[in-house]
Amino acid sequence: MLDVGCGPGALTTELVRRLGDAAVTAVDPSEPFVAAARERHPGVQVERLSAEHLPFPDREFDAALAQLVVHFMTDAVAGLREMARVTRKDGVVAACVWDHAGGQGPLSTYWEAAHELDRDVEDESALARAREGHLGELFDAAGLHEIEERQLAVSVEHSSFEDWWEPFRLGVGPAGAYAAGLDPERQTELRERCREKLPAAPFVLTARAWAARGRA
């Protein structure tokens, strides 16, 4: 299996659980994420690479997967085409992305609060591949066949508001970068607006993702 855009290794962990270290290769363009994934899985080959330029031979893998990363590819069709190239004939290429455009992603509450502070803030709803049907269109453009699409619902329980807010303090992704760029007073205002919009802790939030799979 090839995990494309592995981040710190969430999907890699599941693949290793099912297949073992030797059967999994992971790549990501971010050096900190590569370091984190290597530390988490020292037995897995983890390389700093982008999806658009995979230096593996043709038909090297049984499947290539991209979890929550296609909308960050510089050229999504090129990335998916590379994933198909390194996957054996009729092997599976699969991907999923949050429904940012439909307002049902995991960050919808955050961006709603941010828009109340700044009407012109650019959220993730404009990201390509974040609307229904677009993944399938990209898979088709990349030359994949037997394409299937579906909607996924993901529920996560948060023990406290701080548990929910903590990732935004790390400055990761557009949401984290926006929070990190605010002065302390505005950041506090954003945090408290989010607190008002969320249920009392502990609470469960359900988000929607679009998923697609095709054959190489």
N, C-alpha and C. Protein backbone atom coordinates (compact mmCIF):
# COMPACT_ATOMS: atom_id res chain seq x y z
N MET A 1 0.84 -1.20 0.00
CA MET A 1 0.00 0.00 0.00
C MET A 1 0.87 1.25 0.00
N LEU A 2 0.41 2.27 -0.72
CA LEU A 2 1.09 3.56 -0.71
C LEU A 2 0.14 4.59 -0.10
N ASP A 3 0.60 5.24 0.97
CA ASP A 3 -0.16 6.30 1.64
C ASP A 3 0.41 7.64 1.16
N VAL A 4 -0.36 8.34 0.34
CA VAL A 4 0.09 9.60 -0.27
C VAL A 4 -0.42 10.77 0.56
N GLY A 5 0.51 11.65 0.96
CA GLY A 5 0.13 12.74 1.85
C GLY A 5 -0.19 12.21 3.23
N CYS A 6 0.74 11.45 3.78
CA CYS A 6 0.49 10.69 5.00
C CYS A 6 0.35 11.54 6.26
N GLY A 7 0.82 12.82 6.20
CA GLY A 7 0.79 13.63 7.41
C GLY A 7 1.60 12.95 8.50
N PRO A 8 1.17 13.06 9.75
CA PRO A 8 1.92 12.41 10.84
C PRO A 8 1.66 10.91 10.95
N GLY A 9 0.80 10.37 10.07
CA GLY A 9 0.69 8.91 10.02
C GLY A 9 -0.60 8.29 10.50
N ALA A 10 -1.71 9.00 10.45
CA ALA A 10 -2.98 8.43 10.93
C ALA A 10 -3.42 7.25 10.07
N LEU A 11 -3.49 7.44 8.74
CA LEU A 11 -3.87 6.33 7.86
C LEU A 11 -2.78 5.26 7.85
N THR A 12 -1.54 5.68 7.90
CA THR A 12 -0.43 4.73 7.94
C THR A 12 -0.59 3.76 9.10
N THR A 13 -1.02 4.28 10.24
CA THR A 13 -1.22 3.43 11.42
C THR A 13 -2.22 2.32 11.14
N GLU A 14 -3.32 2.66 10.48
CA GLU A 14 -4.34 1.66 10.17
C GLU A 14 -3.83 0.65 9.15
N LEU A 15 -3.10 1.12 8.16
CA LEU A 15 -2.55 0.20 7.17
C LEU A 15 -1.55 -0.77 7.80
N VAL A 16 -0.72 -0.25 8.69
CA VAL A 16 0.24 -1.11 9.39
C VAL A 16 -0.48 -2.13 10.26
N ARG A 17 -1.54 -1.70 10.91
CA ARG A 17 -2.31 -2.63 11.75
C ARG A 17 -2.85 -3.79 10.92
N ARG A 18 -3.26 -3.49 9.70
CA ARG A 18 -3.85 -4.53 8.86
C ARG A 18 -2.82 -5.36 8.10
N LEU A 19 -1.71 -4.73 7.69
CA LEU A 19 -0.80 -5.37 6.74
C LEU A 19 0.62 -5.58 7.26
N GLY A 20 1.01 -4.83 8.29
CA GLY A 20 2.39 -4.91 8.78
C GLY A 20 3.27 -3.85 8.14
N ASP A 21 4.36 -3.51 8.82
CA ASP A 21 5.26 -2.44 8.38
C ASP A 21 5.78 -2.62 6.96
N ALA A 22 6.20 -3.85 6.64
CA ALA A 22 6.88 -4.09 5.37
C ALA A 22 5.99 -3.87 4.15
N ALA A 23 4.68 -3.90 4.35
CA ALA A 23 3.75 -3.78 3.23
C ALA A 23 3.31 -2.35 2.97
N VAL A 24 3.83 -1.39 3.75
CA VAL A 24 3.33 -0.01 3.66
C VAL A 24 4.47 0.95 3.34
N THR A 25 4.20 1.85 2.39
CA THR A 25 5.10 2.97 2.08
C THR A 25 4.28 4.25 2.21
N ALA A 26 4.89 5.29 2.79
CA ALA A 26 4.17 6.54 3.00
C ALA A 26 5.00 7.71 2.50
N VAL A 27 4.34 8.73 1.95
CA VAL A 27 5.04 9.91 1.45
C VAL A 27 4.28 11.16 1.86
N ASP A 28 5.02 12.26 2.05
CA ASP A 28 4.42 13.55 2.36
C ASP A 28 5.44 14.63 2.01
N PRO A 29 5.00 15.81 1.53
CA PRO A 29 5.95 16.86 1.20
C PRO A 29 6.45 17.66 2.39
N SER A 30 5.84 17.47 3.57
CA SER A 30 6.20 18.24 4.75
C SER A 30 7.24 17.50 5.58
N GLU A 31 8.40 18.13 5.81
CA GLU A 31 9.45 17.49 6.60
C GLU A 31 9.01 17.18 8.03
N PRO A 32 8.31 18.11 8.74
CA PRO A 32 7.85 17.77 10.09
C PRO A 32 6.90 16.57 10.11
N PHE A 33 6.02 16.49 9.11
CA PHE A 33 5.11 15.35 9.06
C PHE A 33 5.86 14.05 8.78
N VAL A 34 6.84 14.13 7.89
CA VAL A 34 7.66 12.94 7.59
C VAL A 34 8.39 12.48 8.85
N ALA A 35 8.96 13.43 9.58
CA ALA A 35 9.67 13.08 10.81
C ALA A 35 8.72 12.44 11.82
N ALA A 36 7.52 12.99 11.94
CA ALA A 36 6.54 12.45 12.88
C ALA A 36 6.10 11.04 12.48
N ALA A 37 5.87 10.84 11.19
CA ALA A 37 5.46 9.51 10.71
C ALA A 37 6.56 8.48 10.90
N ARG A 38 7.81 8.90 10.66
CA ARG A 38 8.94 7.97 10.86
C ARG A 38 9.09 7.60 12.32
N GLU A 39 8.91 8.57 13.21
CA GLU A 39 9.01 8.28 14.64
C GLU A 39 7.89 7.35 15.09
N ARG A 40 6.72 7.56 14.53
CA ARG A 40 5.56 6.75 14.88
C ARG A 40 5.67 5.32 14.35
N HIS A 41 6.28 5.20 13.14
CA HIS A 41 6.38 3.89 12.49
C HIS A 41 7.79 3.70 11.93
N PRO A 42 8.76 3.39 12.79
CA PRO A 42 10.16 3.26 12.34
C PRO A 42 10.38 2.14 11.33
N GLY A 43 9.44 1.20 11.25
CA GLY A 43 9.59 0.10 10.30
C GLY A 43 9.01 0.36 8.93
N VAL A 44 8.39 1.53 8.75
CA VAL A 44 7.76 1.88 7.48
C VAL A 44 8.68 2.79 6.67
N GLN A 45 8.72 2.57 5.36
CA GLN A 45 9.46 3.48 4.48
C GLN A 45 8.64 4.76 4.33
N VAL A 46 9.14 5.85 4.87
CA VAL A 46 8.46 7.14 4.79
C VAL A 46 9.39 8.12 4.08
N GLU A 47 8.92 8.72 2.99
CA GLU A 47 9.76 9.60 2.19
C GLU A 47 9.13 10.98 2.05
N ARG A 48 9.99 12.00 1.93
CA ARG A 48 9.50 13.35 1.69
C ARG A 48 9.33 13.54 0.18
N LEU A 49 8.10 13.40 -0.29
CA LEU A 49 7.78 13.46 -1.71
C LEU A 49 6.41 14.07 -1.90
N SER A 50 6.19 14.68 -3.04
CA SER A 50 4.85 15.18 -3.38
C SER A 50 4.14 14.16 -4.25
N ALA A 51 2.81 14.22 -4.25
CA ALA A 51 2.02 13.28 -5.04
C ALA A 51 2.28 13.42 -6.53
N GLU A 52 2.60 14.64 -6.97
CA GLU A 52 2.78 14.89 -8.40
C GLU A 52 4.07 14.30 -8.96
N HIS A 53 5.00 13.91 -8.07
CA HIS A 53 6.30 13.39 -8.52
C HIS A 53 6.69 12.20 -7.64
N LEU A 54 6.16 11.04 -7.97
CA LEU A 54 6.45 9.82 -7.20
C LEU A 54 7.54 9.03 -7.92
N PRO A 55 8.70 8.82 -7.30
CA PRO A 55 9.83 8.19 -7.97
C PRO A 55 9.80 6.66 -7.93
N PHE A 56 8.61 6.09 -7.89
CA PHE A 56 8.49 4.63 -7.82
C PHE A 56 8.24 4.06 -9.21
N PRO A 57 8.62 2.79 -9.42
CA PRO A 57 8.38 2.16 -10.73
C PRO A 57 6.88 2.03 -11.02
N ASP A 58 6.56 1.88 -12.28
CA ASP A 58 5.18 1.61 -12.67
C ASP A 58 4.71 0.32 -11.99
N ARG A 59 3.44 0.33 -11.59
CA ARG A 59 2.77 -0.89 -11.06
C ARG A 59 3.45 -1.43 -9.81
N GLU A 60 4.00 -0.56 -8.98
CA GLU A 60 4.75 -0.99 -7.79
C GLU A 60 3.84 -1.43 -6.64
N PHE A 61 2.64 -0.85 -6.54
CA PHE A 61 1.78 -1.07 -5.37
C PHE A 61 0.45 -1.72 -5.76
N ASP A 62 -0.15 -2.37 -4.79
CA ASP A 62 -1.48 -2.93 -5.01
C ASP A 62 -2.56 -1.85 -4.92
N ALA A 63 -2.30 -0.82 -4.12
CA ALA A 63 -3.26 0.26 -3.96
C ALA A 63 -2.53 1.53 -3.54
N ALA A 64 -3.10 2.68 -3.91
CA ALA A 64 -2.56 3.97 -3.49
C ALA A 64 -3.72 4.78 -2.92
N LEU A 65 -3.53 5.30 -1.71
CA LEU A 65 -4.60 5.99 -0.99
C LEU A 65 -4.17 7.40 -0.62
N ALA A 66 -5.11 8.33 -0.63
CA ALA A 66 -4.83 9.72 -0.25
C ALA A 66 -5.96 10.20 0.66
N GLN A 67 -5.66 10.34 1.93
CA GLN A 67 -6.69 10.70 2.91
C GLN A 67 -6.61 12.19 3.24
N LEU A 68 -7.65 12.92 2.88
CA LEU A 68 -7.79 14.35 3.23
C LEU A 68 -6.61 15.17 2.72
N VAL A 69 -6.17 14.87 1.50
CA VAL A 69 -5.00 15.58 0.97
C VAL A 69 -5.16 16.04 -0.47
N VAL A 70 -6.10 15.48 -1.23
CA VAL A 70 -6.21 15.84 -2.64
C VAL A 70 -6.44 17.33 -2.83
N HIS A 71 -7.23 17.96 -1.93
CA HIS A 71 -7.50 19.38 -2.11
C HIS A 71 -6.29 20.26 -1.81
N PHE A 72 -5.20 19.67 -1.31
CA PHE A 72 -3.98 20.44 -1.09
C PHE A 72 -2.92 20.16 -2.16
N MET A 73 -3.20 19.27 -3.10
CA MET A 73 -2.24 18.99 -4.17
C MET A 73 -2.14 20.20 -5.08
N THR A 74 -0.94 20.51 -5.53
CA THR A 74 -0.75 21.61 -6.47
C THR A 74 -1.47 21.33 -7.78
N ASP A 75 -1.41 20.09 -8.24
CA ASP A 75 -2.09 19.66 -9.46
C ASP A 75 -2.73 18.32 -9.15
N ALA A 76 -4.03 18.34 -8.84
CA ALA A 76 -4.70 17.13 -8.38
C ALA A 76 -4.74 16.04 -9.44
N VAL A 77 -4.99 16.42 -10.68
CA VAL A 77 -5.04 15.42 -11.74
C VAL A 77 -3.67 14.76 -11.91
N ALA A 78 -2.61 15.55 -11.89
CA ALA A 78 -1.26 14.99 -12.00
C ALA A 78 -0.96 14.07 -10.82
N GLY A 79 -1.38 14.47 -9.61
CA GLY A 79 -1.15 13.64 -8.44
C GLY A 79 -1.89 12.32 -8.52
N LEU A 80 -3.15 12.36 -8.92
CA LEU A 80 -3.93 11.13 -9.06
C LEU A 80 -3.40 10.26 -10.20
N ARG A 81 -2.93 10.91 -11.27
CA ARG A 81 -2.36 10.15 -12.39
C ARG A 81 -1.10 9.42 -11.95
N GLU A 82 -0.28 10.07 -11.13
CA GLU A 82 0.92 9.42 -10.59
C GLU A 82 0.54 8.26 -9.68
N MET A 83 -0.48 8.46 -8.85
CA MET A 83 -0.95 7.38 -7.98
C MET A 83 -1.40 6.19 -8.82
N ALA A 84 -2.08 6.46 -9.93
CA ALA A 84 -2.53 5.38 -10.82
C ALA A 84 -1.34 4.69 -11.49
N ARG A 85 -0.35 5.48 -11.87
CA ARG A 85 0.82 4.90 -12.56
C ARG A 85 1.55 3.90 -11.70
N VAL A 86 1.70 4.21 -10.40
CA VAL A 86 2.47 3.31 -9.52
C VAL A 86 1.62 2.19 -8.95
N THR A 87 0.34 2.13 -9.33
CA THR A 87 -0.56 1.08 -8.85
C THR A 87 -0.72 0.01 -9.93
N ARG A 88 -0.72 -1.23 -9.52
CA ARG A 88 -0.83 -2.32 -10.51
C ARG A 88 -2.10 -2.20 -11.33
N LYS A 89 -2.11 -2.82 -12.49
CA LYS A 89 -3.27 -2.78 -13.36
C LYS A 89 -4.50 -3.30 -12.62
N ASP A 90 -5.55 -2.53 -12.63
CA ASP A 90 -6.81 -2.81 -11.94
C ASP A 90 -6.70 -2.74 -10.42
N GLY A 91 -5.56 -2.25 -9.91
CA GLY A 91 -5.45 -1.99 -8.48
C GLY A 91 -6.24 -0.75 -8.10
N VAL A 92 -6.44 -0.55 -6.81
CA VAL A 92 -7.32 0.50 -6.31
C VAL A 92 -6.55 1.80 -6.05
N VAL A 93 -7.12 2.90 -6.53
CA VAL A 93 -6.71 4.25 -6.15
C VAL A 93 -7.91 4.88 -5.45
N ALA A 94 -7.71 5.38 -4.23
CA ALA A 94 -8.85 5.92 -3.47
C ALA A 94 -8.44 7.19 -2.75
N ALA A 95 -9.43 8.06 -2.52
CA ALA A 95 -9.17 9.32 -1.84
C ALA A 95 -10.44 9.82 -1.17
N CYS A 96 -10.28 10.66 -0.16
CA CYS A 96 -11.42 11.33 0.45
C CYS A 96 -11.02 12.76 0.81
N VAL A 97 -12.01 13.66 0.84
CA VAL A 97 -11.79 15.05 1.20
C VAL A 97 -12.96 15.53 2.05
N TRP A 98 -12.73 16.45 2.94
CA TRP A 98 -13.82 17.02 3.74
C TRP A 98 -14.77 17.83 2.85
N ASP A 99 -16.03 17.87 3.27
CA ASP A 99 -17.05 18.64 2.56
C ASP A 99 -17.00 20.10 3.01
N HIS A 100 -15.88 20.75 2.72
CA HIS A 100 -15.74 22.16 3.10
C HIS A 100 -16.74 23.04 2.35
N ALA A 101 -16.93 22.76 1.05
CA ALA A 101 -17.80 23.61 0.24
C ALA A 101 -19.26 23.49 0.68
N GLY A 102 -19.65 22.34 1.20
CA GLY A 102 -21.03 22.14 1.64
C GLY A 102 -21.28 22.60 3.06
N GLY A 103 -20.24 23.12 3.71
CA GLY A 103 -20.42 23.62 5.07
C GLY A 103 -20.59 22.54 6.11
N GLN A 104 -20.19 21.30 5.78
CA GLN A 104 -20.34 20.21 6.74
C GLN A 104 -19.01 19.52 7.04
N GLY A 105 -17.94 20.28 6.90
CA GLY A 105 -16.63 19.76 7.28
C GLY A 105 -16.41 19.95 8.77
N PRO A 106 -15.32 19.44 9.31
CA PRO A 106 -15.06 19.53 10.74
C PRO A 106 -14.71 20.94 11.21
N LEU A 107 -14.44 21.85 10.28
CA LEU A 107 -14.03 23.21 10.65
C LEU A 107 -15.14 24.23 10.41
N SER A 108 -16.34 23.77 10.10
CA SER A 108 -17.41 24.70 9.74
C SER A 108 -17.73 25.68 10.87
N THR A 109 -17.78 25.21 12.10
CA THR A 109 -18.06 26.08 13.24
C THR A 109 -16.97 27.14 13.38
N TYR A 110 -15.73 26.71 13.23
CA TYR A 110 -14.60 27.63 13.34
C TYR A 110 -14.70 28.74 12.30
N TRP A 111 -14.93 28.38 11.04
CA TRP A 111 -14.97 29.38 9.98
C TRP A 111 -16.21 30.28 10.09
N GLU A 112 -17.30 29.74 10.60
CA GLU A 112 -18.48 30.57 10.83
C GLU A 112 -18.15 31.69 11.82
N ALA A 113 -17.45 31.33 12.88
CA ALA A 113 -17.04 32.33 13.87
C ALA A 113 -16.03 33.31 13.26
N ALA A 114 -15.11 32.80 12.46
CA ALA A 114 -14.11 33.67 11.84
C ALA A 114 -14.75 34.68 10.90
N HIS A 115 -15.78 34.27 10.17
CA HIS A 115 -16.47 35.18 9.25
C HIS A 115 -17.22 36.28 10.01
N GLU A 116 -17.64 35.98 11.22
CA GLU A 116 -18.30 37.01 12.03
C GLU A 116 -17.30 38.11 12.43
N LEU A 117 -16.03 37.72 12.57
CA LEU A 117 -14.99 38.69 12.90
C LEU A 117 -14.45 39.40 11.67
N ASP A 118 -14.40 38.67 10.57
CA ASP A 118 -13.80 39.21 9.35
C ASP A 118 -14.55 38.65 8.16
N ARG A 119 -15.42 39.46 7.58
CA ARG A 119 -16.26 39.00 6.48
C ARG A 119 -15.45 38.55 5.27
N ASP A 120 -14.24 39.05 5.12
CA ASP A 120 -13.44 38.77 3.93
C ASP A 120 -12.43 37.64 4.12
N VAL A 121 -12.47 36.99 5.28
CA VAL A 121 -11.51 35.92 5.51
C VAL A 121 -11.72 34.80 4.50
N GLU A 122 -10.63 34.22 4.00
CA GLU A 122 -10.72 33.13 3.03
C GLU A 122 -10.69 31.80 3.78
N ASP A 123 -11.81 31.10 3.75
CA ASP A 123 -11.85 29.80 4.42
C ASP A 123 -11.54 28.70 3.42
N GLU A 124 -11.83 27.45 3.82
CA GLU A 124 -11.47 26.32 2.96
C GLU A 124 -12.60 25.87 2.03
N SER A 125 -13.71 26.62 2.02
CA SER A 125 -14.83 26.23 1.16
C SER A 125 -14.49 26.38 -0.31
N ALA A 126 -13.50 27.25 -0.62
CA ALA A 126 -13.13 27.47 -2.02
C ALA A 126 -12.11 26.46 -2.52
N LEU A 127 -11.64 25.59 -1.64
CA LEU A 127 -10.65 24.60 -2.09
C LEU A 127 -11.27 23.70 -3.14
N ALA A 128 -10.51 23.47 -4.22
CA ALA A 128 -10.97 22.52 -5.22
C ALA A 128 -11.10 21.14 -4.60
N ARG A 129 -11.94 20.33 -5.19
CA ARG A 129 -12.16 18.94 -4.75
C ARG A 129 -13.01 18.86 -3.49
N ALA A 130 -13.48 20.00 -2.94
CA ALA A 130 -14.22 19.97 -1.68
C ALA A 130 -15.72 19.99 -1.88
N ARG A 131 -16.19 19.83 -3.12
CA ARG A 131 -17.63 19.80 -3.37
C ARG A 131 -18.04 18.43 -3.88
N GLU A 132 -19.31 18.12 -3.75
CA GLU A 132 -19.83 16.81 -4.17
C GLU A 132 -19.58 16.58 -5.66
N GLY A 133 -19.06 15.40 -5.98
CA GLY A 133 -18.86 15.01 -7.37
C GLY A 133 -17.52 15.38 -7.97
N HIS A 134 -16.80 16.30 -7.33
CA HIS A 134 -15.56 16.77 -7.97
C HIS A 134 -14.46 15.72 -7.93
N LEU A 135 -14.40 14.93 -6.87
CA LEU A 135 -13.38 13.88 -6.83
C LEU A 135 -13.54 12.92 -7.99
N GLY A 136 -14.79 12.53 -8.27
CA GLY A 136 -15.04 11.62 -9.39
C GLY A 136 -14.61 12.21 -10.72
N GLU A 137 -14.85 13.51 -10.88
CA GLU A 137 -14.43 14.18 -12.11
C GLU A 137 -12.91 14.15 -12.24
N LEU A 138 -12.21 14.35 -11.14
CA LEU A 138 -10.75 14.34 -11.17
C LEU A 138 -10.22 12.93 -11.43
N PHE A 139 -10.85 11.94 -10.84
CA PHE A 139 -10.45 10.55 -11.08
C PHE A 139 -10.59 10.22 -12.57
N ASP A 140 -11.69 10.66 -13.17
CA ASP A 140 -11.91 10.41 -14.59
C ASP A 140 -10.85 11.12 -15.43
N ALA A 141 -10.54 12.36 -15.09
CA ALA A 141 -9.53 13.12 -15.82
C ALA A 141 -8.14 12.49 -15.70
N ALA A 142 -7.91 11.79 -14.58
CA ALA A 142 -6.61 11.14 -14.36
C ALA A 142 -6.52 9.78 -15.04
N GLY A 143 -7.59 9.35 -15.72
CA GLY A 143 -7.55 8.10 -16.47
C GLY A 143 -7.97 6.87 -15.69
N LEU A 144 -8.53 7.05 -14.51
CA LEU A 144 -8.99 5.90 -13.73
C LEU A 144 -10.33 5.40 -14.28
N HIS A 145 -10.68 4.16 -13.99
CA HIS A 145 -11.94 3.60 -14.47
C HIS A 145 -12.66 2.89 -13.33
N GLU A 146 -13.89 2.47 -13.59
CA GLU A 146 -14.75 1.85 -12.57
C GLU A 146 -14.82 2.74 -11.32
N ILE A 147 -15.07 4.00 -11.54
CA ILE A 147 -15.05 4.99 -10.46
C ILE A 147 -16.33 4.91 -9.64
N GLU A 148 -16.18 4.88 -8.35
CA GLU A 148 -17.31 4.89 -7.41
C GLU A 148 -17.14 6.06 -6.46
N GLU A 149 -18.26 6.69 -6.10
CA GLU A 149 -18.22 7.79 -5.15
C GLU A 149 -19.22 7.54 -4.03
N ARG A 150 -18.91 8.06 -2.86
CA ARG A 150 -19.84 7.92 -1.74
C ARG A 150 -19.59 9.03 -0.73
N GLN A 151 -20.53 9.17 0.17
CA GLN A 151 -20.41 10.15 1.25
C GLN A 151 -20.08 9.40 2.54
N LEU A 152 -19.20 9.98 3.33
CA LEU A 152 -18.81 9.39 4.61
C LEU A 152 -19.18 10.35 5.74
N ALA A 153 -19.68 9.81 6.83
CA ALA A 153 -19.94 10.61 8.03
C ALA A 153 -18.95 10.20 9.10
N VAL A 154 -18.31 11.19 9.71
CA VAL A 154 -17.28 10.92 10.72
C VAL A 154 -17.64 11.68 11.99
N SER A 155 -17.77 10.96 13.09
CA SER A 155 -18.13 11.57 14.38
C SER A 155 -16.96 11.48 15.34
N VAL A 156 -16.68 12.59 16.01
CA VAL A 156 -15.58 12.64 16.97
C VAL A 156 -16.09 13.25 18.27
N GLU A 157 -15.78 12.60 19.38
CA GLU A 157 -16.17 13.12 20.69
C GLU A 157 -15.03 13.96 21.26
N HIS A 158 -15.39 15.12 21.78
CA HIS A 158 -14.42 16.01 22.42
C HIS A 158 -14.75 16.10 23.91
N SER A 159 -13.76 15.86 24.72
CA SER A 159 -13.98 15.84 26.17
C SER A 159 -14.16 17.23 26.75
N SER A 160 -13.64 18.23 26.05
CA SER A 160 -13.75 19.61 26.53
C SER A 160 -13.61 20.56 25.35
N PHE A 161 -13.97 21.81 25.56
CA PHE A 161 -13.77 22.80 24.51
C PHE A 161 -12.29 22.94 24.21
N GLU A 162 -11.43 22.91 25.21
CA GLU A 162 -9.99 23.05 25.01
C GLU A 162 -9.45 21.93 24.13
N ASP A 163 -10.00 20.74 24.28
CA ASP A 163 -9.61 19.61 23.44
C ASP A 163 -9.90 19.92 21.97
N TRP A 164 -11.05 20.55 21.71
CA TRP A 164 -11.43 20.93 20.35
C TRP A 164 -10.57 22.07 19.84
N TRP A 165 -10.27 23.05 20.69
CA TRP A 165 -9.56 24.26 20.27
C TRP A 165 -8.06 24.04 20.08
N GLU A 166 -7.46 23.13 20.79
CA GLU A 166 -6.01 22.96 20.81
C GLU A 166 -5.37 22.90 19.43
N PRO A 167 -5.90 22.14 18.45
CA PRO A 167 -5.22 22.08 17.14
C PRO A 167 -5.08 23.44 16.45
N PHE A 168 -6.02 24.35 16.69
CA PHE A 168 -5.94 25.66 16.04
C PHE A 168 -4.78 26.49 16.57
N ARG A 169 -4.33 26.20 17.79
CA ARG A 169 -3.22 26.94 18.39
C ARG A 169 -1.89 26.55 17.77
N LEU A 170 -1.86 25.44 17.02
CA LEU A 170 -0.60 24.93 16.49
C LEU A 170 -0.22 25.57 15.16
N GLY A 171 -1.13 26.36 14.58
CA GLY A 171 -0.81 27.06 13.34
C GLY A 171 -0.76 26.19 12.11
N VAL A 172 -1.38 25.00 12.16
CA VAL A 172 -1.34 24.07 11.03
C VAL A 172 -2.53 24.32 10.10
N GLY A 173 -2.28 24.33 8.78
CA GLY A 173 -3.34 24.49 7.80
C GLY A 173 -3.88 25.90 7.78
N PRO A 174 -4.81 26.20 6.85
CA PRO A 174 -5.37 27.55 6.75
C PRO A 174 -6.04 28.01 8.04
N ALA A 175 -6.75 27.12 8.74
CA ALA A 175 -7.42 27.52 9.98
C ALA A 175 -6.41 27.89 11.06
N GLY A 176 -5.40 27.05 11.24
CA GLY A 176 -4.38 27.33 12.25
C GLY A 176 -3.59 28.58 11.92
N ALA A 177 -3.28 28.76 10.62
CA ALA A 177 -2.52 29.94 10.20
C ALA A 177 -3.32 31.21 10.46
N TYR A 178 -4.63 31.15 10.23
CA TYR A 178 -5.45 32.34 10.48
C TYR A 178 -5.45 32.68 11.97
N ALA A 179 -5.65 31.68 12.82
CA ALA A 179 -5.66 31.92 14.26
C ALA A 179 -4.32 32.46 14.73
N ALA A 180 -3.23 31.87 14.22
CA ALA A 180 -1.89 32.28 14.65
C ALA A 180 -1.58 33.72 14.22
N GLY A 181 -2.22 34.17 13.14
CA GLY A 181 -1.96 35.51 12.64
C GLY A 181 -2.74 36.60 13.34
N LEU A 182 -3.66 36.24 14.23
CA LEU A 182 -4.44 37.23 14.96
C LEU A 182 -3.67 37.74 16.18
N ASP A 183 -3.92 38.98 16.56
CA ASP A 183 -3.33 39.45 17.82
C ASP A 183 -4.04 38.76 18.97
N PRO A 184 -3.45 38.73 20.16
CA PRO A 184 -4.03 37.97 21.28
C PRO A 184 -5.48 38.31 21.58
N GLU A 185 -5.84 39.58 21.48
CA GLU A 185 -7.22 39.97 21.79
C GLU A 185 -8.20 39.40 20.77
N ARG A 186 -7.86 39.48 19.49
CA ARG A 186 -8.74 38.95 18.45
C ARG A 186 -8.79 37.43 18.50
N GLN A 187 -7.67 36.81 18.82
CA GLN A 187 -7.66 35.35 18.94
C GLN A 187 -8.57 34.90 20.07
N THR A 188 -8.54 35.63 21.17
CA THR A 188 -9.43 35.31 22.29
C THR A 188 -10.89 35.49 21.89
N GLU A 189 -11.17 36.54 21.13
CA GLU A 189 -12.55 36.77 20.68
C GLU A 189 -13.01 35.64 19.76
N LEU A 190 -12.14 35.21 18.87
CA LEU A 190 -12.47 34.09 17.99
C LEU A 190 -12.73 32.83 18.80
N ARG A 191 -11.87 32.55 19.76
CA ARG A 191 -12.03 31.36 20.60
C ARG A 191 -13.36 31.38 21.33
N GLU A 192 -13.71 32.53 21.90
CA GLU A 192 -14.95 32.60 22.68
C GLU A 192 -16.19 32.53 21.79
N ARG A 193 -16.11 33.06 20.58
CA ARG A 193 -17.23 32.92 19.65
C ARG A 193 -17.44 31.45 19.29
N CYS A 194 -16.34 30.73 19.11
CA CYS A 194 -16.44 29.30 18.84
C CYS A 194 -17.06 28.57 20.02
N ARG A 195 -16.64 28.93 21.23
CA ARG A 195 -17.15 28.29 22.43
C ARG A 195 -18.68 28.45 22.52
N GLU A 196 -19.16 29.64 22.16
CA GLU A 196 -20.60 29.91 22.22
C GLU A 196 -21.39 29.07 21.23
N LYS A 197 -20.76 28.70 20.13
CA LYS A 197 -21.46 27.97 19.07
C LYS A 197 -21.47 26.47 19.29
N LEU A 198 -20.62 25.99 20.18
CA LEU A 198 -20.51 24.55 20.41
C LEU A 198 -21.33 24.11 21.62
N PRO A 199 -21.77 22.85 21.64
CA PRO A 199 -22.50 22.35 22.80
C PRO A 199 -21.62 22.29 24.04
N ALA A 200 -22.25 22.15 25.17
CA ALA A 200 -21.50 21.97 26.41
C ALA A 200 -20.73 20.65 26.35
N ALA A 201 -19.54 20.65 26.89
CA ALA A 201 -18.69 19.45 26.88
C ALA A 201 -19.18 18.44 27.92
N PRO A 202 -18.95 17.15 27.64
CA PRO A 202 -18.37 16.60 26.40
C PRO A 202 -19.39 16.65 25.26
N PHE A 203 -18.90 16.78 24.02
CA PHE A 203 -19.81 16.85 22.89
C PHE A 203 -19.25 16.06 21.72
N VAL A 204 -20.17 15.66 20.85
CA VAL A 204 -19.81 14.90 19.64
C VAL A 204 -20.12 15.76 18.43
N LEU A 205 -19.15 15.90 17.53
CA LEU A 205 -19.35 16.61 16.28
C LEU A 205 -19.26 15.61 15.12
N THR A 206 -20.19 15.73 14.19
CA THR A 206 -20.20 14.86 13.01
C THR A 206 -19.92 15.69 11.77
N ALA A 207 -18.96 15.26 11.00
CA ALA A 207 -18.58 15.95 9.77
C ALA A 207 -18.81 15.01 8.58
N ARG A 208 -18.85 15.61 7.38
CA ARG A 208 -19.09 14.83 6.17
C ARG A 208 -17.88 14.92 5.26
N ALA A 209 -17.57 13.81 4.62
CA ALA A 209 -16.47 13.78 3.66
C ALA A 209 -16.97 13.13 2.37
N TRP A 210 -16.34 13.51 1.25
CA TRP A 210 -16.60 12.87 -0.03
C TRP A 210 -15.46 11.89 -0.30
N ALA A 211 -15.81 10.71 -0.78
CA ALA A 211 -14.81 9.68 -1.06
C ALA A 211 -15.01 9.14 -2.47
N ALA A 212 -13.94 8.74 -3.08
CA ALA A 212 -13.98 8.13 -4.41
C ALA A 212 -12.91 7.06 -4.51
N ARG A 213 -13.20 6.06 -5.32
CA ARG A 213 -12.22 5.04 -5.61
C ARG A 213 -12.35 4.65 -7.08
N GLY A 214 -11.24 4.25 -7.65
CA GLY A 214 -11.24 3.83 -9.04
C GLY A 214 -10.17 2.77 -9.27
N ARG A 215 -10.15 2.25 -10.46
CA ARG A 215 -9.17 1.23 -10.82
C ARG A 215 -8.11 1.83 -11.74
N ALA A 216 -6.87 1.45 -11.48
CA ALA A 216 -5.75 1.97 -12.29
C ALA A 216 -5.73 1.33 -13.67
